[in-house]
Amino acid sequence: MRKKTLFIVQAAIIAALYASLTLGQMILLPGTADMAVQFRVSEALTILALYTGAAIPGLTIGCVIGNILSGVGAVDMIFGPAASFFAVVAMYALRNVRVFKLPIPAALMPALFNGLIVGFEIDFFFINNLSFNFTDFLIQGGFVALGELAVLFVLGIPLSIMIEKTGLNKRVLNE
């Protein structure tokens, strides 16, 4: 299969997986995937940025679709996907950096970018009616970052271990 075609197919599958997991979680466990304090299972898929650049558009588009399905509003279709985009670009850049053979630096990126960007979004648009309050930003950003850390360390890193032990990173995902 040509590289360009493989890239497009991988991105589409990743986007569909992210959106499907998000929708399924919103149906089965309301509020856990689309509130300020969340444990969005689909965020574990950000770990795929360690293995393919196709995860960058795939996860960004998947996040747009997931946020459309959440019904939070137009602002969430901009800030959430922007945070995801920056996080997975940073993860892709850090894909070869390991601590104790684990992708810990990369796994911190979704917490960093979502904490900052989505934390600002929640503070500015939803809590303080178009004004900024640093304390509220720190609280909301901290909650978002905590949820991201939980997902990446409880699900994402074990997913990366499984991908590498089974060889999927070399057989299916590697560019």
Protein backbone atom coordinates (compact mmCIF):
# COMPACT_ATOMS: atom_id res chain seq x y z
CA MET A 1 0.00 0.00 0.00
CA ARG A 2 1.34 3.43 -0.86
CA LYS A 3 2.50 5.55 2.08
CA LYS A 4 0.02 8.36 1.39
CA THR A 5 -2.91 5.95 1.22
CA LEU A 6 -1.78 4.17 4.39
CA PHE A 7 -1.49 7.53 6.17
CA ILE A 8 -5.04 8.54 5.17
CA VAL A 9 -6.49 5.14 6.14
CA GLN A 10 -4.71 5.18 9.52
CA ALA A 11 -5.87 8.75 10.23
CA ALA A 12 -9.48 7.85 9.32
CA ILE A 13 -9.47 4.73 11.50
CA ILE A 14 -7.97 6.63 14.44
CA ALA A 15 -10.55 9.43 14.06
CA ALA A 16 -13.39 6.89 13.92
CA LEU A 17 -12.07 5.02 16.97
CA TYR A 18 -11.71 8.23 18.98
CA ALA A 19 -15.19 9.49 18.07
CA SER A 20 -16.79 6.06 18.66
CA LEU A 21 -15.16 5.61 22.06
CA THR A 22 -16.18 9.13 23.08
CA LEU A 23 -19.78 8.64 21.96
CA GLY A 24 -20.00 5.23 23.61
CA GLN A 25 -18.71 6.62 26.88
CA MET A 26 -21.12 9.57 26.74
CA ILE A 27 -24.01 7.13 26.29
CA LEU A 28 -22.91 4.57 28.90
CA LEU A 29 -21.42 6.93 31.51
CA PRO A 30 -22.93 10.41 31.02
CA GLY A 31 -20.69 13.28 32.08
CA THR A 32 -17.48 11.27 32.30
CA ALA A 33 -16.31 12.19 28.78
CA ASP A 34 -17.56 15.74 28.35
CA MET A 35 -17.44 17.66 31.63
CA ALA A 36 -14.63 19.69 33.22
CA VAL A 37 -13.52 16.77 35.37
CA GLN A 38 -13.43 13.90 32.95
CA PHE A 39 -11.82 10.57 32.24
CA ARG A 40 -12.24 10.42 28.46
CA VAL A 41 -11.20 6.88 27.58
CA SER A 42 -10.62 7.86 23.94
CA GLU A 43 -7.71 10.08 25.07
CA ALA A 44 -5.71 6.89 25.62
CA LEU A 45 -5.50 6.73 21.82
CA THR A 46 -3.19 9.76 21.88
CA ILE A 47 -0.48 7.19 22.60
CA LEU A 48 -0.76 6.23 18.91
CA ALA A 49 1.18 9.42 18.11
CA LEU A 50 4.25 7.50 19.28
CA TYR A 51 3.93 5.17 16.30
CA THR A 52 2.45 7.11 13.39
CA GLY A 53 2.14 10.70 12.26
CA ALA A 54 -1.35 9.78 11.04
CA ALA A 55 -2.42 10.05 14.68
CA ILE A 56 -2.05 13.83 14.45
CA PRO A 57 -4.90 14.47 11.98
CA GLY A 58 -6.76 11.35 13.16
CA LEU A 59 -6.95 12.39 16.80
CA THR A 60 -7.63 16.03 15.95
CA ILE A 61 -10.55 15.12 13.68
CA GLY A 62 -11.77 12.50 16.16
CA CYS A 63 -11.77 15.15 18.88
CA VAL A 64 -13.76 17.55 16.67
CA ILE A 65 -16.36 14.84 16.05
CA GLY A 66 -16.43 13.82 19.72
CA ASN A 67 -16.91 17.42 20.79
CA ILE A 68 -19.67 17.94 18.24
CA LEU A 69 -21.42 14.88 19.68
CA SER A 70 -21.04 16.21 23.23
CA GLY A 71 -23.14 19.26 22.34
CA VAL A 72 -21.13 21.61 24.58
CA GLY A 73 -20.95 24.23 21.86
CA ALA A 74 -18.92 25.75 19.05
CA VAL A 75 -16.18 27.01 21.34
CA ASP A 76 -15.42 23.43 22.40
CA MET A 77 -14.99 22.42 18.76
CA ILE A 78 -12.08 24.87 18.57
CA PHE A 79 -10.27 24.71 21.92
CA GLY A 80 -10.47 20.94 22.55
CA PRO A 81 -9.19 19.91 19.10
CA ALA A 82 -6.50 22.63 19.26
CA ALA A 83 -5.30 21.20 22.58
CA SER A 84 -5.36 17.69 21.11
CA PHE A 85 -3.46 18.83 18.03
CA PHE A 86 -0.67 20.48 20.02
CA ALA A 87 -0.50 17.53 22.43
CA VAL A 88 -0.14 14.88 19.73
CA VAL A 89 2.38 16.96 17.75
CA ALA A 90 4.47 17.19 20.93
CA MET A 91 3.96 13.48 21.60
CA TYR A 92 5.11 12.63 18.07
CA ALA A 93 8.20 14.80 18.58
CA LEU A 94 8.92 12.99 21.88
CA ARG A 95 8.15 9.50 20.55
CA ASN A 96 11.70 8.23 21.08
CA VAL A 97 12.22 9.76 24.53
CA ARG A 98 11.79 7.13 27.23
CA VAL A 99 12.09 7.01 31.00
CA PHE A 100 12.51 3.45 32.34
CA LYS A 101 11.70 2.31 28.77
CA LEU A 102 8.28 4.01 29.02
CA PRO A 103 7.03 7.01 26.99
CA ILE A 104 6.47 9.12 30.10
CA PRO A 105 7.49 12.53 28.65
CA ALA A 106 5.12 12.03 25.71
CA ALA A 107 2.33 10.86 28.00
CA LEU A 108 2.54 14.16 29.90
CA MET A 109 1.76 16.26 26.81
CA PRO A 110 -2.06 15.80 26.76
CA ALA A 111 -2.20 16.87 30.43
CA LEU A 112 -0.05 19.93 29.70
CA PHE A 113 -1.85 21.16 26.59
CA ASN A 114 -5.40 20.25 27.63
CA GLY A 115 -4.81 21.65 31.10
CA LEU A 116 -3.69 24.99 29.68
CA ILE A 117 -6.00 25.34 26.67
CA VAL A 118 -9.18 23.65 27.90
CA GLY A 119 -8.59 25.08 31.38
CA PHE A 120 -8.59 28.55 29.82
CA GLU A 121 -11.69 27.70 27.76
CA ILE A 122 -13.66 26.57 30.81
CA ASP A 123 -12.58 29.57 32.89
CA PHE A 124 -13.09 32.22 30.20
CA PHE A 125 -16.22 30.99 28.42
CA PHE A 126 -18.12 28.90 30.95
CA ILE A 127 -17.21 30.10 34.45
CA ASN A 128 -16.40 33.81 34.20
CA ASN A 129 -18.53 34.95 31.24
CA LEU A 130 -15.78 36.17 28.91
CA SER A 131 -13.37 37.31 31.59
CA PHE A 132 -10.28 35.63 32.98
CA ASN A 133 -9.71 34.67 36.60
CA PHE A 134 -6.31 33.16 37.27
CA THR A 135 -7.44 31.12 40.29
CA ASP A 136 -10.40 29.64 38.40
CA PHE A 137 -8.10 28.92 35.46
CA LEU A 138 -5.67 27.05 37.73
CA ILE A 139 -8.48 25.03 39.29
CA GLN A 140 -10.16 24.12 36.00
CA GLY A 141 -6.87 23.51 34.21
CA GLY A 142 -5.75 21.34 37.11
CA PHE A 143 -8.91 19.24 36.93
CA VAL A 144 -8.53 18.78 33.17
CA ALA A 145 -4.83 17.91 33.52
CA LEU A 146 -5.55 15.44 36.30
CA GLY A 147 -8.11 13.62 34.15
CA GLU A 148 -5.65 13.49 31.25
CA LEU A 149 -2.87 12.17 33.48
CA ALA A 150 -5.17 9.47 34.81
CA VAL A 151 -6.19 8.35 31.33
CA LEU A 152 -2.66 8.33 29.95
CA PHE A 153 -1.08 6.55 32.90
CA VAL A 154 -3.92 4.10 33.57
CA LEU A 155 -4.77 3.29 29.94
CA GLY A 156 -2.32 4.97 27.55
CA ILE A 157 0.99 3.66 28.82
CA PRO A 158 -0.35 0.10 29.20
CA LEU A 159 -1.67 0.43 25.63
CA SER A 160 1.81 1.42 24.44
CA ILE A 161 3.32 -1.57 26.26
CA MET A 162 0.80 -3.89 24.59
CA ILE A 163 1.40 -2.35 21.15
CA GLU A 164 5.16 -2.81 21.48
CA LYS A 165 5.01 -6.34 23.01
CA THR A 166 2.72 -7.59 20.24
CA GLY A 167 4.76 -5.90 17.52
CA LEU A 168 1.83 -3.84 16.23
CA ASN A 169 4.09 -0.79 16.22
CA LYS A 170 6.27 -2.43 13.55
CA ARG A 171 3.67 -4.42 11.59
CA VAL A 172 0.74 -2.00 11.38
CA LEU A 173 1.41 1.45 12.77
CA ASN A 174 5.00 2.30 11.91
CA GLU A 175 5.48 4.76 9.08
